[in-house]
């Protein structure tokens, strides 16, 4: 393979003219003949036994040319990429400009390559980290959720309906004095305060008693899903049959023993506080990293090829389908259920894909500028962490994840670590 010319035709495109010699072409034609001859019949010869010369005489000298060219151009393109050290981000556009027995095969290929990236001032980024100390009422709210979960349902017969109770009642709705479809039910269960009914309905039920007949006057929201009812006043005639309440456990050490592995209520509360604080700290770190990501992207200058973003969109679509595999939902299923096109579906991933591509380019450049390296020990440790995380054999992980790709990922991670560690972080309390 011989490179004839190599020209940068646009910001991220390179046009290369190259050719395979007559000898290389002849070898490819012979390989095409050997591959096809078993399917070719020539009078006077058993099927698959006809000499190449006889087949070319029968069908023309170029009978094997197309297969020969197809069989050789991928290897030729690969050699061009290696020789010119092109960082290709999309399938090249290939044109065959000459095919002849005497001159071989000439190609013209247009490659889309990674952009040239410039970045500076990525160290010492000024960023605010919002830290939060878990308050007592947050711990109490978590305790109350546990109490709600373990509460015992009891019948209430000695008082009126209160917020938090569940009413078992009949209702029938009327608009302009006429009953409407779907507005009637018997012995319907509704937790008061849940917000499941029309605004104002549940509040109007508070204070009512078992056996009491009463009206609830409400107005349907303007955006109600039934157009014939939207924005209209309605009257619901109601009657309560039962009131169900919740009986909560006493907040003491016995409660802690019943709902956790702790012996005292204080230990339970301390554990809840610690977990809530860890969650809050993790959220603060994630927000800090998100802010640093935006800053790094802003510092980068590059014209990103659309192909890189589209390729990343395709990756995210595949990730989405993988995450939903256990529910048996494919992309095609989702498109059908939501009545959307694949283009509309992909549009949802366009913004995060663009951000991820730009961040990757920026961090790769930082890794280059900072001479960041990855050791064999780094790669081995990462393999072990992946094997543990995915519950896979170490050798299996190594067989599916190339060490070279893993090394590049680790360089990028180290580059972001450098940005984070060098940042000037101001802490603010929430």
Protein backbone atom coordinates (compact mmCIF):
# COMPACT_ATOMS: atom_id res chain seq x y z
CA UNK A 1 0.00 0.00 0.00
CA UNK A 2 1.38 3.41 -1.02
CA UNK A 3 0.15 6.82 0.17
CA UNK A 4 -0.04 9.26 -2.74
CA UNK A 5 -1.32 12.39 -0.96
CA UNK A 6 -2.44 13.47 2.49
CA UNK A 7 -4.36 16.73 2.88
CA UNK A 8 -6.35 18.34 5.65
CA UNK A 9 -9.49 19.48 3.84
CA UNK A 10 -11.42 20.94 6.82
CA UNK A 11 -11.08 21.41 10.55
CA UNK A 12 -11.61 17.75 11.41
CA UNK A 13 -11.31 15.98 8.07
CA UNK A 14 -8.33 14.52 6.25
CA UNK A 15 -8.39 13.38 2.62
CA UNK A 16 -5.92 10.67 1.72
CA UNK A 17 -5.19 9.19 -1.71
CA UNK A 18 -3.49 5.81 -1.64
CA UNK A 19 -3.07 2.78 -3.83
CA UNK A 20 -2.45 -0.92 -3.74
CA UNK A 21 0.13 -2.21 -6.21
CA UNK A 22 -0.61 -4.46 -9.17
CA UNK A 23 0.95 -7.33 -7.22
CA UNK A 24 -1.32 -6.72 -4.21
CA UNK A 25 -4.33 -6.49 -6.49
CA UNK A 26 -3.42 -9.74 -8.23
CA UNK A 27 -3.16 -11.48 -4.85
CA UNK A 28 -6.61 -10.15 -3.91
CA UNK A 29 -8.10 -11.31 -7.23
CA UNK A 30 -6.64 -14.77 -6.71
CA UNK A 31 -8.10 -14.88 -3.18
CA UNK A 32 -11.52 -13.87 -4.58
CA UNK A 33 -11.28 -16.64 -7.20
CA UNK A 34 -10.44 -19.28 -4.59
CA UNK A 35 -13.35 -18.13 -2.48
CA UNK A 36 -15.91 -18.10 -5.29
CA UNK A 37 -14.88 -20.96 -7.57
CA UNK A 38 -16.81 -23.63 -5.63
CA UNK A 39 -20.04 -21.93 -6.71
CA UNK A 40 -19.13 -21.48 -10.40
CA UNK A 41 -19.99 -23.94 -13.16
CA UNK A 42 -18.21 -23.94 -16.53
CA UNK A 43 -19.13 -26.43 -19.29
CA UNK A 44 -16.56 -29.21 -19.42
CA UNK A 45 -15.52 -28.86 -15.79
CA UNK A 46 -16.97 -30.18 -12.60
CA UNK A 47 -18.55 -27.47 -10.42
CA UNK A 48 -15.84 -25.71 -8.47
CA UNK A 49 -13.00 -27.11 -10.60
CA UNK A 50 -12.86 -24.56 -13.40
CA UNK A 51 -9.50 -22.76 -13.75
CA UNK A 52 -9.51 -19.03 -13.12
CA UNK A 53 -8.51 -18.30 -16.72
CA UNK A 54 -11.49 -20.20 -18.05
CA UNK A 55 -13.89 -18.35 -15.73
CA UNK A 56 -12.43 -14.97 -16.75
CA UNK A 57 -12.74 -15.93 -20.39
CA UNK A 58 -16.37 -16.95 -19.88
CA UNK A 59 -17.46 -13.99 -17.71
CA UNK A 60 -14.90 -11.31 -18.39
CA UNK A 61 -11.52 -10.41 -16.92
CA UNK A 62 -13.08 -8.29 -14.19
CA UNK A 63 -15.37 -10.98 -12.82
CA UNK A 64 -13.48 -11.11 -9.52
CA UNK A 65 -12.53 -7.43 -9.31
CA UNK A 66 -15.38 -6.27 -7.09
CA UNK A 67 -14.79 -8.94 -4.47
CA UNK A 68 -11.06 -8.40 -4.70
CA UNK A 69 -11.39 -4.67 -4.04
CA UNK A 70 -13.84 -5.25 -1.18
CA UNK A 71 -11.47 -7.78 0.30
CA UNK A 72 -8.46 -5.49 0.27
CA UNK A 73 -9.69 -1.98 1.04
CA UNK A 74 -10.33 -2.53 4.76
CA UNK A 75 -6.75 -3.72 5.23
CA UNK A 76 -5.49 -0.82 3.13
CA UNK A 77 -7.52 1.71 5.15
CA UNK A 78 -6.22 0.22 8.39
CA UNK A 79 -2.64 0.58 7.13
CA UNK A 80 -3.27 4.22 6.19
CA UNK A 81 -4.65 4.98 9.64
CA UNK A 82 -1.66 3.33 11.31
CA UNK A 83 0.93 4.94 9.08
CA UNK A 84 -0.48 8.46 9.36
CA UNK A 85 -1.44 7.95 13.03
CA UNK A 86 -4.94 9.25 12.38
CA UNK A 87 -7.29 9.38 15.38
CA UNK A 88 -10.42 8.45 13.42
CA UNK A 89 -13.84 9.02 15.03
CA UNK A 90 -16.17 7.85 12.26
CA UNK A 91 -16.30 5.45 9.32
CA UNK A 92 -14.36 6.98 6.41
CA UNK A 93 -15.95 7.85 3.10
CA UNK A 94 -14.13 5.63 0.56
CA UNK A 95 -14.01 6.18 -3.20
CA UNK A 96 -12.31 3.77 -5.59
CA UNK A 97 -10.72 5.94 -8.30
CA UNK A 98 -8.97 3.30 -10.42
CA UNK A 99 -8.99 -0.47 -10.82
CA UNK A 100 -6.65 -2.05 -13.34
CA UNK A 101 -4.51 -5.12 -13.74
CA UNK A 102 -1.51 -3.01 -14.69
CA UNK A 103 -1.72 -0.23 -12.08
CA UNK A 104 -3.51 -1.90 -9.18
CA UNK A 105 -6.23 -0.13 -7.21
CA UNK A 106 -6.35 3.56 -6.24
CA UNK A 107 -8.49 4.90 -3.41
CA UNK A 108 -9.52 8.27 -2.08
CA UNK A 109 -10.67 8.31 1.56
CA UNK A 110 -12.04 11.13 3.68
CA UNK A 111 -11.48 10.58 7.39
CA UNK A 112 -13.18 12.43 10.26
CA UNK A 113 -10.64 12.77 13.04
CA UNK A 114 -10.54 13.99 16.61
CA UNK A 115 -10.34 17.76 16.86
CA UNK A 116 -7.33 19.72 17.96
CA UNK A 117 -7.96 20.73 21.56
CA UNK A 118 -6.65 23.71 23.48
CA UNK A 119 -7.14 24.18 27.20
CA UNK A 120 -5.54 26.36 29.84
CA UNK A 121 -6.15 27.66 33.37
CA UNK A 122 -7.65 24.37 34.48
CA UNK A 123 -5.77 24.38 37.76
CA UNK A 124 -6.91 26.42 40.73
CA UNK A 125 -10.53 26.65 39.59
CA UNK A 126 -12.58 28.60 42.12
CA UNK A 127 -15.65 26.65 43.15
CA UNK A 128 -18.08 26.62 46.06
CA UNK A 129 -18.96 23.41 47.84
CA UNK A 130 -22.24 23.54 49.72
CA UNK A 131 -21.99 21.41 52.84
CA UNK A 132 -24.94 20.38 54.95
CA UNK A 133 -25.28 19.20 58.52
CA UNK A 134 -28.21 16.89 59.08
CA UNK A 135 -30.79 18.51 61.35
CA UNK A 136 -32.75 16.83 64.14
CA UNK A 137 -36.03 17.20 62.27
CA UNK A 138 -34.62 15.20 59.34
CA UNK A 139 -33.74 12.35 61.69
CA UNK A 140 -37.19 12.60 63.26
CA UNK A 141 -38.81 12.52 59.82
CA UNK A 142 -36.92 9.31 58.99
CA UNK A 143 -38.00 7.79 62.30
CA UNK A 144 -41.59 8.73 61.49
CA UNK A 145 -41.31 7.02 58.09
CA UNK A 146 -40.26 3.86 59.90
CA UNK A 147 -43.21 4.26 62.27
CA UNK A 148 -45.55 4.73 59.31
CA UNK A 149 -44.21 1.60 57.69
CA UNK A 150 -44.75 -0.46 60.84
CA UNK A 151 -47.98 1.17 62.00
CA UNK A 152 -50.97 -1.04 62.86
CA UNK A 153 -54.25 -0.27 61.08
CA UNK A 154 -57.17 0.04 63.51
CA UNK A 155 -60.88 0.84 63.22
CA UNK A 156 -61.88 4.29 64.49
CA UNK A 157 -65.42 4.47 65.90
CA UNK A 158 -65.27 7.16 68.58
CA UNK A 159 -64.30 10.29 66.66
CA UNK A 160 -64.59 12.16 63.38
CA UNK A 161 -62.31 11.78 60.36
CA UNK A 162 -58.86 13.34 60.71
CA UNK A 163 -55.97 13.99 58.38
CA UNK A 164 -53.92 10.80 58.02
CA UNK A 165 -56.97 8.54 58.44
CA UNK A 166 -58.32 6.36 55.66
CA UNK A 167 -62.00 6.88 54.86
CA UNK A 168 -64.10 4.08 53.39
CA UNK A 169 -66.98 5.95 51.74
CA UNK A 170 -69.51 6.23 48.93
CA UNK A 171 -69.54 9.19 46.57
CA UNK A 172 -71.34 10.41 43.48
CA UNK A 173 -70.37 13.53 41.56
CA UNK A 174 -72.65 15.99 39.76
CA UNK A 175 -71.86 18.83 37.34
CA UNK A 176 -74.71 21.22 36.47
CA UNK A 177 -76.99 18.87 38.37
CA UNK A 178 -76.14 15.90 36.16
CA UNK A 179 -74.16 12.82 37.25
CA UNK A 180 -71.05 12.33 35.12
CA UNK A 181 -69.29 9.17 33.98
CA UNK A 182 -66.63 7.87 36.37
CA UNK A 183 -67.85 10.07 39.20
CA UNK A 184 -69.42 7.35 41.35
CA UNK A 185 -68.01 4.66 43.66
CA UNK A 186 -69.04 2.64 46.67
CA UNK A 187 -66.88 1.85 49.71
CA UNK A 188 -63.92 3.59 48.16
CA UNK A 189 -60.78 3.84 50.33
CA UNK A 190 -58.98 7.18 50.47
CA UNK A 191 -56.17 8.30 52.74
CA UNK A 192 -56.97 11.84 53.80
CA UNK A 193 -54.06 14.13 52.99
CA UNK A 194 -52.65 11.93 50.24
CA UNK A 195 -53.65 14.42 47.54
CA UNK A 196 -55.12 11.74 45.30
CA UNK A 197 -58.46 13.52 44.83
CA UNK A 198 -59.39 16.91 43.40
CA UNK A 199 -57.83 19.79 45.37
CA UNK A 200 -60.05 20.65 48.35
CA UNK A 201 -61.93 17.34 48.35
CA UNK A 202 -59.97 15.65 51.12
CA UNK A 203 -59.87 18.75 53.32
CA UNK A 204 -63.66 19.01 53.08
CA UNK A 205 -64.01 15.47 54.46
CA UNK A 206 -62.10 16.21 57.67
CA UNK A 207 -64.43 16.35 60.67
CA UNK A 208 -67.13 14.15 59.13
CA UNK A 209 -68.45 11.11 60.99
CA UNK A 210 -69.35 7.53 60.17
CA UNK A 211 -72.89 7.32 58.75
CA UNK A 212 -73.03 11.03 57.97
CA UNK A 213 -74.39 12.19 54.60
CA UNK A 214 -72.68 15.34 53.32
CA UNK A 215 -71.83 17.28 50.17
CA UNK A 216 -68.34 18.25 49.00
CA UNK A 217 -68.18 21.28 46.70
CA UNK A 218 -65.05 21.51 44.55
CA UNK A 219 -63.93 22.80 41.17
CA UNK A 220 -62.10 20.62 38.69
CA UNK A 221 -58.64 21.96 37.70
CA UNK A 222 -58.38 23.77 34.37
CA UNK A 223 -55.90 21.14 33.14
CA UNK A 224 -58.04 18.16 34.22
CA UNK A 225 -57.64 15.26 31.79
CA UNK A 226 -61.37 15.04 31.02
CA UNK A 227 -62.17 18.07 28.87
CA UNK A 228 -65.90 17.96 29.69
CA UNK A 229 -65.08 18.47 33.40
CA UNK A 230 -62.02 20.75 33.28
CA UNK A 231 -62.56 23.99 35.18
CA UNK A 232 -66.17 23.18 36.16
CA UNK A 233 -67.66 23.29 39.67
CA UNK A 234 -68.92 19.95 40.99
CA UNK A 235 -70.88 18.59 43.94
CA UNK A 236 -70.05 15.18 45.39
CA UNK A 237 -72.63 13.51 47.60
CA UNK A 238 -70.76 11.39 50.13
CA UNK A 239 -71.34 8.97 53.01
CA UNK A 240 -68.62 7.50 55.27
CA UNK A 241 -68.92 3.83 56.24
CA UNK A 242 -65.62 3.26 58.03
CA UNK A 243 -62.68 5.22 59.37
CA UNK A 244 -59.32 3.48 59.51
CA UNK A 245 -56.54 4.93 61.64
CA UNK A 246 -52.93 4.09 62.37
CA UNK A 247 -51.63 3.02 65.74
CA UNK A 248 -47.97 3.88 66.12
CA UNK A 249 -45.40 2.18 68.32
CA UNK A 250 -43.98 4.15 71.25
CA UNK A 251 -40.64 5.75 70.51
CA UNK A 252 -38.48 3.85 72.97
CA UNK A 253 -35.73 1.26 73.05
CA UNK A 254 -38.21 -1.54 72.34
CA UNK A 255 -39.19 0.22 69.13
CA UNK A 256 -35.52 0.36 68.10
CA UNK A 257 -35.09 -3.35 68.80
CA UNK A 258 -38.20 -4.21 66.76
CA UNK A 259 -37.25 -2.23 63.65
CA UNK A 260 -33.45 -2.47 63.59
CA UNK A 261 -30.38 -4.28 64.84
CA UNK A 262 -29.86 -1.66 67.56
CA UNK A 263 -30.69 -2.01 71.26
CA UNK A 264 -31.52 1.61 71.99
CA UNK A 265 -33.42 4.42 70.31
CA UNK A 266 -30.34 6.63 70.55
CA UNK A 267 -28.24 4.13 68.63
CA UNK A 268 -30.90 3.93 65.93
CA UNK A 269 -31.08 7.72 65.65
CA UNK A 270 -27.28 8.01 65.53
CA UNK A 271 -27.17 5.45 62.70
CA UNK A 272 -29.88 7.29 60.76
CA UNK A 273 -28.06 10.59 61.24
CA UNK A 274 -24.78 9.06 60.00
CA UNK A 275 -26.44 7.62 56.89
CA UNK A 276 -28.23 10.87 56.12
CA UNK A 277 -24.96 12.76 56.57
CA UNK A 278 -23.13 10.37 54.23
CA UNK A 279 -25.86 10.89 51.65
CA UNK A 280 -25.65 14.66 52.03
CA UNK A 281 -21.83 14.57 51.75
CA UNK A 282 -22.03 12.42 48.62
CA UNK A 283 -24.53 14.83 47.07
CA UNK A 284 -22.22 17.75 47.87
CA UNK A 285 -19.28 15.95 46.22
CA UNK A 286 -21.37 15.13 43.16
CA UNK A 287 -22.47 18.76 42.87
CA UNK A 288 -18.87 19.91 43.22
CA UNK A 289 -17.76 17.55 40.44
CA UNK A 290 -20.64 18.70 38.25
CA UNK A 291 -19.59 22.35 38.74
CA UNK A 292 -15.95 21.50 37.97
CA UNK A 293 -17.08 19.62 34.85
CA UNK A 294 -18.87 22.72 33.55
CA UNK A 295 -15.80 24.85 34.25
CA UNK A 296 -13.42 22.45 32.50
CA UNK A 297 -15.66 22.33 29.43
CA UNK A 298 -15.79 26.14 29.35
CA UNK A 299 -11.98 26.27 29.43
CA UNK A 300 -11.67 23.98 26.40
CA UNK A 301 -11.52 25.21 22.82
CA UNK A 302 -12.27 22.71 20.06
CA UNK A 303 -14.57 22.20 17.11
CA UNK A 304 -16.16 18.87 18.01
CA UNK A 305 -17.22 16.73 15.01
CA UNK A 306 -20.93 15.92 15.00
CA UNK A 307 -19.99 12.29 14.43
CA UNK A 308 -18.41 12.07 17.90
CA UNK A 309 -21.59 13.31 19.54
CA UNK A 310 -23.78 11.01 17.44
CA UNK A 311 -21.59 8.04 18.33
CA UNK A 312 -21.91 8.90 22.02
CA UNK A 313 -25.69 9.22 21.65
CA UNK A 314 -25.73 5.69 20.23
CA UNK A 315 -23.68 4.50 23.22
CA UNK A 316 -26.17 6.06 25.64
CA UNK A 317 -29.10 4.48 23.80
CA UNK A 318 -27.44 1.07 24.13
CA UNK A 319 -26.82 1.76 27.83
CA UNK A 320 -30.50 2.65 28.27
CA UNK A 321 -31.58 -0.60 26.66
CA UNK A 322 -29.11 -2.58 28.79
CA UNK A 323 -30.42 -1.01 32.01
CA UNK A 324 -34.00 -1.85 31.04
CA UNK A 325 -33.29 -5.41 29.90
CA UNK A 326 -34.62 -6.98 33.12
CA UNK A 327 -37.99 -5.32 32.53
CA UNK A 328 -37.94 -6.71 29.00
CA UNK A 329 -38.23 -3.21 27.51
CA UNK A 330 -36.44 -2.57 24.23
CA UNK A 331 -36.02 0.75 22.49
CA UNK A 332 -38.57 -0.35 19.91
CA UNK A 333 -41.05 -1.18 22.68
CA UNK A 334 -40.54 2.27 24.21
CA UNK A 335 -41.04 3.99 20.85
CA UNK A 336 -44.27 2.08 20.35
CA UNK A 337 -45.61 2.78 23.86
CA UNK A 338 -44.78 6.49 23.72
CA UNK A 339 -45.62 6.99 20.05
CA UNK A 340 -42.25 8.62 19.38
CA UNK A 341 -39.64 8.20 16.66
CA UNK A 342 -36.08 7.00 17.15
CA UNK A 343 -34.91 10.51 16.24
CA UNK A 344 -37.05 12.02 19.02
CA UNK A 345 -35.82 9.38 21.45
CA UNK A 346 -32.18 10.06 20.60
CA UNK A 347 -32.72 13.80 21.02
CA UNK A 348 -33.12 13.16 24.78
CA UNK A 349 -29.49 12.01 24.89
CA UNK A 350 -28.00 14.77 22.71
CA UNK A 351 -27.18 17.24 25.48
CA UNK A 352 -25.54 14.76 27.92
CA UNK A 353 -23.68 13.15 25.00
CA UNK A 354 -22.23 16.47 23.90
CA UNK A 355 -21.17 17.30 27.45
CA UNK A 356 -19.52 13.90 27.93
CA UNK A 357 -17.63 14.13 24.64
CA UNK A 358 -16.35 17.62 25.42
CA UNK A 359 -15.31 16.66 28.94
CA UNK A 360 -13.45 13.60 27.63
CA UNK A 361 -11.60 15.66 25.05
CA UNK A 362 -10.66 18.26 27.65
CA UNK A 363 -9.40 15.69 30.14
CA UNK A 364 -7.43 13.82 27.47
CA UNK A 365 -5.68 17.09 26.64
CA UNK A 366 -4.98 17.77 30.32
CA UNK A 367 -3.54 14.27 30.68
CA UNK A 368 -1.27 15.00 27.71
CA UNK A 369 -0.17 18.38 29.01
CA UNK A 370 0.50 17.01 32.48
CA UNK A 371 2.26 13.87 31.20
CA UNK A 372 -0.12 11.72 33.20
CA UNK A 373 0.80 8.04 33.05
CA UNK A 374 -0.85 4.80 34.09
CA UNK A 375 1.14 1.91 35.53
CA UNK A 376 0.59 -1.81 35.06
CA UNK A 377 -0.35 -1.88 38.75
CA UNK A 378 -3.03 0.78 38.15
CA UNK A 379 -4.53 -1.32 35.36
CA UNK A 380 -4.42 -4.54 37.38
CA UNK A 381 -6.11 -2.88 40.37
CA UNK A 382 -8.82 -1.50 38.11
CA UNK A 383 -9.41 -4.94 36.62
CA UNK A 384 -9.81 -6.36 40.12
CA UNK A 385 -12.29 -3.64 41.12
CA UNK A 386 -14.32 -4.26 37.96
CA UNK A 387 -14.34 -8.01 38.57
CA UNK A 388 -15.61 -7.47 42.11
CA UNK A 389 -18.21 -4.91 41.08
CA UNK A 390 -19.64 -7.05 38.26
CA UNK A 391 -19.18 -10.37 40.09
CA UNK A 392 -17.08 -11.72 37.21
CA UNK A 393 -13.92 -13.79 36.98
CA UNK A 394 -10.83 -11.62 36.61
CA UNK A 395 -9.75 -13.34 33.39
CA UNK A 396 -13.22 -12.81 31.92
CA UNK A 397 -13.04 -9.07 32.62
CA UNK A 398 -9.61 -8.91 30.98
CA UNK A 399 -10.95 -10.69 27.91
CA UNK A 400 -13.74 -8.16 27.33
CA UNK A 401 -11.98 -4.93 28.37
CA UNK A 402 -8.81 -4.09 26.48
CA UNK A 403 -5.91 -2.94 28.64
CA UNK A 404 -5.20 -0.05 26.23
CA UNK A 405 -8.75 1.29 26.52
CA UNK A 406 -8.68 0.88 30.29
CA UNK A 407 -5.40 2.79 30.47
CA UNK A 408 -6.93 5.70 28.55
CA UNK A 409 -9.92 5.76 30.89
CA UNK A 410 -7.63 5.81 33.91
CA UNK A 411 -5.63 8.70 32.45
CA UNK A 412 -8.84 10.66 32.10
CA UNK A 413 -9.81 9.87 35.71
CA UNK A 414 -6.41 10.99 36.93
CA UNK A 415 -6.75 14.19 34.93
CA UNK A 416 -10.04 15.00 36.65
CA UNK A 417 -8.49 14.12 40.03
CA UNK A 418 -5.81 16.70 39.27
CA UNK A 419 -8.45 19.33 38.47
CA UNK A 420 -10.38 18.53 41.66
CA UNK A 421 -7.33 18.45 43.93
CA UNK A 422 -5.96 21.73 42.58
CA UNK A 423 -9.30 23.57 42.81
CA UNK A 424 -9.76 26.39 45.28
CA UNK A 425 -12.85 25.18 47.13
CA UNK A 426 -14.86 27.51 49.33
CA UNK A 427 -17.28 25.78 51.66
CA UNK A 428 -20.73 27.21 52.27
CA UNK A 429 -23.33 25.86 54.65
CA UNK A 430 -26.86 25.08 53.55
